[in-house]
Amino acid sequence: MNGAKSLDHVSTRLDAATVARLDALAPRIAPPGAKPTRSMATQACILAGLDVIEKQLAAMEAP
């Protein structure tokens, strides 16, 4: 597999305003020289959001 990461596919439906926000983020977070994609923006937001939500839940569950 050429040493590349194996990624699973996830699809979602988003409202137009959220899609517009992702499209605005894509060029700002794409690596230099890479074509910005909505997928890149979506992945970055999901990963950042997972960290936030996991921390919030851990704080709620702490004694």
PDB file of N, CA and C in Angstrom:
ATOM      1  N   MET A   1       0.820  -1.192   0.000  1.00  0.00           N
ATOM      2  CA  MET A   1       0.000   0.000   0.000  1.00  0.00           C
ATOM      3  C   MET A   1       0.864   1.257   0.000  1.00  0.00           C
ATOM      4  N   ASN A   2       2.040   1.243  -0.451  1.00  0.00           N
ATOM      5  CA  ASN A   2       2.929   2.396  -0.602  1.00  0.00           C
ATOM      6  C   ASN A   2       3.166   3.179   0.683  1.00  0.00           C
ATOM      7  N   GLY A   3       2.896   2.610   1.844  1.00  0.00           N
ATOM      8  CA  GLY A   3       3.103   3.316   3.095  1.00  0.00           C
ATOM      9  C   GLY A   3       2.062   4.376   3.381  1.00  0.00           C
ATOM     10  N   ALA A   4       1.047   4.489   2.532  1.00  0.00           N
ATOM     11  CA  ALA A   4       0.000   5.491   2.747  1.00  0.00           C
ATOM     12  C   ALA A   4      -0.965   5.003   3.826  1.00  0.00           C
ATOM     13  N   LYS A   5      -1.569   5.962   4.517  1.00  0.00           N
ATOM     14  CA  LYS A   5      -2.564   5.628   5.526  1.00  0.00           C
ATOM     15  C   LYS A   5      -3.815   5.076   4.853  1.00  0.00           C
ATOM     16  N   SER A   6      -4.419   4.106   5.478  1.00  0.00           N
ATOM     17  CA  SER A   6      -5.698   3.601   5.009  1.00  0.00           C
ATOM     18  C   SER A   6      -6.786   4.425   5.684  1.00  0.00           C
ATOM     19  N   LEU A   7      -7.620   5.071   4.896  1.00  0.00           N
ATOM     20  CA  LEU A   7      -8.675   5.910   5.438  1.00  0.00           C
ATOM     21  C   LEU A   7     -10.028   5.350   5.052  1.00  0.00           C
ATOM     22  N   ASP A   8     -10.962   5.376   5.983  1.00  0.00           N
ATOM     23  CA  ASP A   8     -12.335   4.982   5.689  1.00  0.00           C
ATOM     24  C   ASP A   8     -13.095   6.190   5.177  1.00  0.00           C
ATOM     25  N   HIS A   9     -14.113   5.918   4.385  1.00  0.00           N
ATOM     26  CA  HIS A   9     -14.931   6.983   3.816  1.00  0.00           C
ATOM     27  C   HIS A   9     -16.120   7.256   4.728  1.00  0.00           C
ATOM     28  N   VAL A  10     -16.403   8.530   4.937  1.00  0.00           N
ATOM     29  CA  VAL A  10     -17.581   8.953   5.686  1.00  0.00           C
ATOM     30  C   VAL A  10     -18.266  10.037   4.879  1.00  0.00           C
ATOM     31  N   SER A  11     -19.563   9.912   4.699  1.00  0.00           N
ATOM     32  CA  SER A  11     -20.278  10.986   4.004  1.00  0.00           C
ATOM     33  C   SER A  11     -21.300  11.581   4.952  1.00  0.00           C
ATOM     34  N   THR A  12     -21.633  12.825   4.703  1.00  0.00           N
ATOM     35  CA  THR A  12     -22.587  13.513   5.559  1.00  0.00           C
ATOM     36  C   THR A  12     -23.351  14.540   4.745  1.00  0.00           C
ATOM     37  N   ARG A  13     -24.484  14.916   5.228  1.00  0.00           N
ATOM     38  CA  ARG A  13     -25.270  15.979   4.599  1.00  0.00           C
ATOM     39  C   ARG A  13     -25.161  17.211   5.480  1.00  0.00           C
ATOM     40  N   LEU A  14     -24.852  18.323   4.860  1.00  0.00           N
ATOM     41  CA  LEU A  14     -24.689  19.582   5.591  1.00  0.00           C
ATOM     42  C   LEU A  14     -25.505  20.669   4.920  1.00  0.00           C
ATOM     43  N   ASP A  15     -25.947  21.626   5.722  1.00  0.00           N
ATOM     44  CA  ASP A  15     -26.696  22.736   5.141  1.00  0.00           C
ATOM     45  C   ASP A  15     -25.738  23.635   4.355  1.00  0.00           C
ATOM     46  N   ALA A  16     -26.314  24.462   3.500  1.00  0.00           N
ATOM     47  CA  ALA A  16     -25.516  25.304   2.602  1.00  0.00           C
ATOM     48  C   ALA A  16     -24.584  26.239   3.355  1.00  0.00           C
ATOM     49  N   ALA A  17     -25.020  26.756   4.485  1.00  0.00           N
ATOM     50  CA  ALA A  17     -24.177  27.683   5.259  1.00  0.00           C
ATOM     51  C   ALA A  17     -22.927  26.976   5.795  1.00  0.00           C
ATOM     52  N   THR A  18     -23.090  25.739   6.247  1.00  0.00           N
ATOM     53  CA  THR A  18     -21.942  24.985   6.756  1.00  0.00           C
ATOM     54  C   THR A  18     -20.987  24.647   5.622  1.00  0.00           C
ATOM     55  N   VAL A  19     -21.513  24.263   4.473  1.00  0.00           N
ATOM     56  CA  VAL A  19     -20.679  23.960   3.310  1.00  0.00           C
ATOM     57  C   VAL A  19     -19.899  25.215   2.894  1.00  0.00           C
ATOM     58  N   ALA A  20     -20.539  26.361   2.922  1.00  0.00           N
ATOM     59  CA  ALA A  20     -19.851  27.607   2.578  1.00  0.00           C
ATOM     60  C   ALA A  20     -18.720  27.895   3.557  1.00  0.00           C
ATOM     61  N   ARG A  21     -18.939  27.618   4.819  1.00  0.00           N
ATOM     62  CA  ARG A  21     -17.876  27.818   5.826  1.00  0.00           C
ATOM     63  C   ARG A  21     -16.702  26.878   5.561  1.00  0.00           C
ATOM     64  N   LEU A  22     -16.993  25.621   5.225  1.00  0.00           N
ATOM     65  CA  LEU A  22     -15.926  24.667   4.904  1.00  0.00           C
ATOM     66  C   LEU A  22     -15.157  25.110   3.664  1.00  0.00           C
ATOM     67  N   ASP A  23     -15.881  25.552   2.654  1.00  0.00           N
ATOM     68  CA  ASP A  23     -15.230  26.008   1.424  1.00  0.00           C
ATOM     69  C   ASP A  23     -14.331  27.213   1.687  1.00  0.00           C
ATOM     70  N   ALA A  24     -14.721  28.082   2.605  1.00  0.00           N
ATOM     71  CA  ALA A  24     -13.898  29.246   2.941  1.00  0.00           C
ATOM     72  C   ALA A  24     -12.642  28.835   3.710  1.00  0.00           C
ATOM     73  N   LEU A  25     -12.738  27.766   4.501  1.00  0.00           N
ATOM     74  CA  LEU A  25     -11.584  27.298   5.277  1.00  0.00           C
ATOM     75  C   LEU A  25     -10.560  26.535   4.431  1.00  0.00           C
ATOM     76  N   ALA A  26     -11.039  25.819   3.436  1.00  0.00           N
ATOM     77  CA  ALA A  26     -10.181  24.905   2.677  1.00  0.00           C
ATOM     78  C   ALA A  26      -8.880  25.541   2.190  1.00  0.00           C
ATOM     79  N   PRO A  27      -8.901  26.708   1.541  1.00  0.00           N
ATOM     80  CA  PRO A  27      -7.639  27.281   1.062  1.00  0.00           C
ATOM     81  C   PRO A  27      -6.692  27.689   2.199  1.00  0.00           C
ATOM     82  N   ARG A  28      -7.260  27.965   3.356  1.00  0.00           N
ATOM     83  CA  ARG A  28      -6.436  28.416   4.482  1.00  0.00           C
ATOM     84  C   ARG A  28      -5.749  27.265   5.202  1.00  0.00           C
ATOM     85  N   ILE A  29      -6.288  26.053   5.092  1.00  0.00           N
ATOM     86  CA  ILE A  29      -5.699  24.926   5.820  1.00  0.00           C
ATOM     87  C   ILE A  29      -5.003  23.917   4.920  1.00  0.00           C
ATOM     88  N   ALA A  30      -5.111  24.080   3.619  1.00  0.00           N
ATOM     89  CA  ALA A  30      -4.441  23.153   2.701  1.00  0.00           C
ATOM     90  C   ALA A  30      -2.926  23.317   2.814  1.00  0.00           C
ATOM     91  N   PRO A  31      -2.203  22.219   2.779  1.00  0.00           N
ATOM     92  CA  PRO A  31      -0.741  22.311   2.793  1.00  0.00           C
ATOM     93  C   PRO A  31      -0.238  23.094   1.580  1.00  0.00           C
ATOM     94  N   PRO A  32       0.887  23.764   1.718  1.00  0.00           N
ATOM     95  CA  PRO A  32       1.431  24.517   0.576  1.00  0.00           C
ATOM     96  C   PRO A  32       1.577  23.616  -0.649  1.00  0.00           C
ATOM     97  N   GLY A  33       1.096  24.113  -1.772  1.00  0.00           N
ATOM     98  CA  GLY A  33       1.201  23.374  -3.022  1.00  0.00           C
ATOM     99  C   GLY A  33       0.076  22.382  -3.261  1.00  0.00           C
ATOM    100  N   ALA A  34      -0.736  22.126  -2.246  1.00  0.00           N
ATOM    101  CA  ALA A  34      -1.834  21.176  -2.403  1.00  0.00           C
ATOM    102  C   ALA A  34      -3.095  21.907  -2.845  1.00  0.00           C
ATOM    103  N   LYS A  35      -3.900  21.238  -3.648  1.00  0.00           N
ATOM    104  CA  LYS A  35      -5.180  21.814  -4.057  1.00  0.00           C
ATOM    105  C   LYS A  35      -6.134  21.750  -2.859  1.00  0.00           C
ATOM    106  N   PRO A  36      -6.676  22.890  -2.436  1.00  0.00           N
ATOM    107  CA  PRO A  36      -7.602  22.866  -1.300  1.00  0.00           C
ATOM    108  C   PRO A  36      -8.884  22.119  -1.661  1.00  0.00           C
ATOM    109  N   THR A  37      -9.337  21.280  -0.764  1.00  0.00           N
ATOM    110  CA  THR A  37     -10.566  20.538  -1.020  1.00  0.00           C
ATOM    111  C   THR A  37     -11.509  20.656   0.168  1.00  0.00           C
ATOM    112  N   ARG A  38     -12.776  20.491  -0.132  1.00  0.00           N
ATOM    113  CA  ARG A  38     -13.788  20.483   0.925  1.00  0.00           C
ATOM    114  C   ARG A  38     -13.509  19.324   1.885  1.00  0.00           C
ATOM    115  N   SER A  39     -13.027  18.221   1.356  1.00  0.00           N
ATOM    116  CA  SER A  39     -12.711  17.065   2.185  1.00  0.00           C
ATOM    117  C   SER A  39     -11.635  17.396   3.219  1.00  0.00           C
ATOM    118  N   MET A  40     -10.605  18.120   2.814  1.00  0.00           N
ATOM    119  CA  MET A  40      -9.546  18.544   3.756  1.00  0.00           C
ATOM    120  C   MET A  40     -10.127  19.369   4.890  1.00  0.00           C
ATOM    121  N   ALA A  41     -10.983  20.315   4.528  1.00  0.00           N
ATOM    122  CA  ALA A  41     -11.581  21.185   5.536  1.00  0.00           C
ATOM    123  C   ALA A  41     -12.482  20.388   6.476  1.00  0.00           C
ATOM    124  N   THR A  42     -13.263  19.484   5.911  1.00  0.00           N
ATOM    125  CA  THR A  42     -14.164  18.669   6.727  1.00  0.00           C
ATOM    126  C   THR A  42     -13.370  17.809   7.696  1.00  0.00           C
ATOM    127  N   GLN A  43     -12.319  17.177   7.194  1.00  0.00           N
ATOM    128  CA  GLN A  43     -11.490  16.321   8.046  1.00  0.00           C
ATOM    129  C   GLN A  43     -10.849  17.127   9.168  1.00  0.00           C
ATOM    130  N   ALA A  44     -10.313  18.294   8.864  1.00  0.00           N
ATOM    131  CA  ALA A  44      -9.676  19.128   9.888  1.00  0.00           C
ATOM    132  C   ALA A  44     -10.683  19.537  10.962  1.00  0.00           C
ATOM    133  N   CYS A  45     -11.878  19.901  10.540  1.00  0.00           N
ATOM    134  CA  CYS A  45     -12.904  20.319  11.503  1.00  0.00           C
ATOM    135  C   CYS A  45     -13.354  19.157  12.380  1.00  0.00           C
ATOM    136  N   ILE A  46     -13.517  17.992  11.777  1.00  0.00           N
ATOM    137  CA  ILE A  46     -13.920  16.821  12.560  1.00  0.00           C
ATOM    138  C   ILE A  46     -12.843  16.478  13.590  1.00  0.00           C
ATOM    139  N   LEU A  47     -11.590  16.440  13.163  1.00  0.00           N
ATOM    140  CA  LEU A  47     -10.523  16.074  14.089  1.00  0.00           C
ATOM    141  C   LEU A  47     -10.380  17.091  15.218  1.00  0.00           C
ATOM    142  N   ALA A  48     -10.459  18.373  14.899  1.00  0.00           N
ATOM    143  CA  ALA A  48     -10.370  19.410  15.937  1.00  0.00           C
ATOM    144  C   ALA A  48     -11.575  19.330  16.863  1.00  0.00           C
ATOM    145  N   GLY A  49     -12.738  19.101  16.287  1.00  0.00           N
ATOM    146  CA  GLY A  49     -13.953  19.012  17.088  1.00  0.00           C
ATOM    147  C   GLY A  49     -13.965  17.796  17.990  1.00  0.00           C
ATOM    148  N   LEU A  50     -13.433  16.687  17.531  1.00  0.00           N
ATOM    149  CA  LEU A  50     -13.351  15.492  18.372  1.00  0.00           C
ATOM    150  C   LEU A  50     -12.529  15.764  19.621  1.00  0.00           C
ATOM    151  N   ASP A  51     -11.402  16.448  19.467  1.00  0.00           N
ATOM    152  CA  ASP A  51     -10.566  16.792  20.627  1.00  0.00           C
ATOM    153  C   ASP A  51     -11.351  17.631  21.630  1.00  0.00           C
ATOM    154  N   VAL A  52     -12.080  18.616  21.136  1.00  0.00           N
ATOM    155  CA  VAL A  52     -12.858  19.501  22.006  1.00  0.00           C
ATOM    156  C   VAL A  52     -13.940  18.721  22.743  1.00  0.00           C
ATOM    157  N   ILE A  53     -14.692  17.927  22.001  1.00  0.00           N
ATOM    158  CA  ILE A  53     -15.792  17.179  22.617  1.00  0.00           C
ATOM    159  C   ILE A  53     -15.276  16.151  23.618  1.00  0.00           C
ATOM    160  N   GLU A  54     -14.196  15.463  23.276  1.00  0.00           N
ATOM    161  CA  GLU A  54     -13.630  14.481  24.208  1.00  0.00           C
ATOM    162  C   GLU A  54     -13.170  15.141  25.499  1.00  0.00           C
ATOM    163  N   LYS A  55     -12.557  16.314  25.410  1.00  0.00           N
ATOM    164  CA  LYS A  55     -12.124  17.045  26.612  1.00  0.00           C
ATOM    165  C   LYS A  55     -13.322  17.506  27.443  1.00  0.00           C
ATOM    166  N   GLN A  56     -14.358  17.986  26.777  1.00  0.00           N
ATOM    167  CA  GLN A  56     -15.555  18.423  27.486  1.00  0.00           C
ATOM    168  C   GLN A  56     -16.199  17.248  28.229  1.00  0.00           C
ATOM    169  N   LEU A  57     -16.307  16.110  27.572  1.00  0.00           N
ATOM    170  CA  LEU A  57     -16.907  14.941  28.217  1.00  0.00           C
ATOM    171  C   LEU A  57     -16.061  14.438  29.369  1.00  0.00           C
ATOM    172  N   ALA A  58     -14.742  14.450  29.200  1.00  0.00           N
ATOM    173  CA  ALA A  58     -13.857  14.005  30.277  1.00  0.00           C
ATOM    174  C   ALA A  58     -14.015  14.917  31.489  1.00  0.00           C
ATOM    175  N   ALA A  59     -14.146  16.220  31.267  1.00  0.00           N
ATOM    176  CA  ALA A  59     -14.314  17.158  32.370  1.00  0.00           C
ATOM    177  C   ALA A  59     -15.654  16.928  33.075  1.00  0.00           C
ATOM    178  N   MET A  60     -16.684  16.591  32.315  1.00  0.00           N
ATOM    179  CA  MET A  60     -17.996  16.328  32.910  1.00  0.00           C
ATOM    180  C   MET A  60     -18.009  15.039  33.708  1.00  0.00           C
ATOM    181  N   GLU A  61     -17.190  14.078  33.300  1.00  0.00           N
ATOM    182  CA  GLU A  61     -17.164  12.770  33.958  1.00  0.00           C
ATOM    183  C   GLU A  61     -16.199  12.728  35.137  1.00  0.00           C
ATOM    184  N   ALA A  62     -15.333  13.718  35.250  1.00  0.00           N
ATOM    185  CA  ALA A  62     -14.355  13.743  36.342  1.00  0.00           C
ATOM    186  C   ALA A  62     -15.074  14.000  37.663  1.00  0.00           C
ATOM    187  N   PRO A  63     -14.592  13.348  38.735  1.00  0.00           N
ATOM    188  CA  PRO A  63     -15.237  13.529  40.055  1.00  0.00           C
ATOM    189  C   PRO A  63     -15.078  14.930  40.598  1.00  0.00           C
TER     190      PRO A  63
END
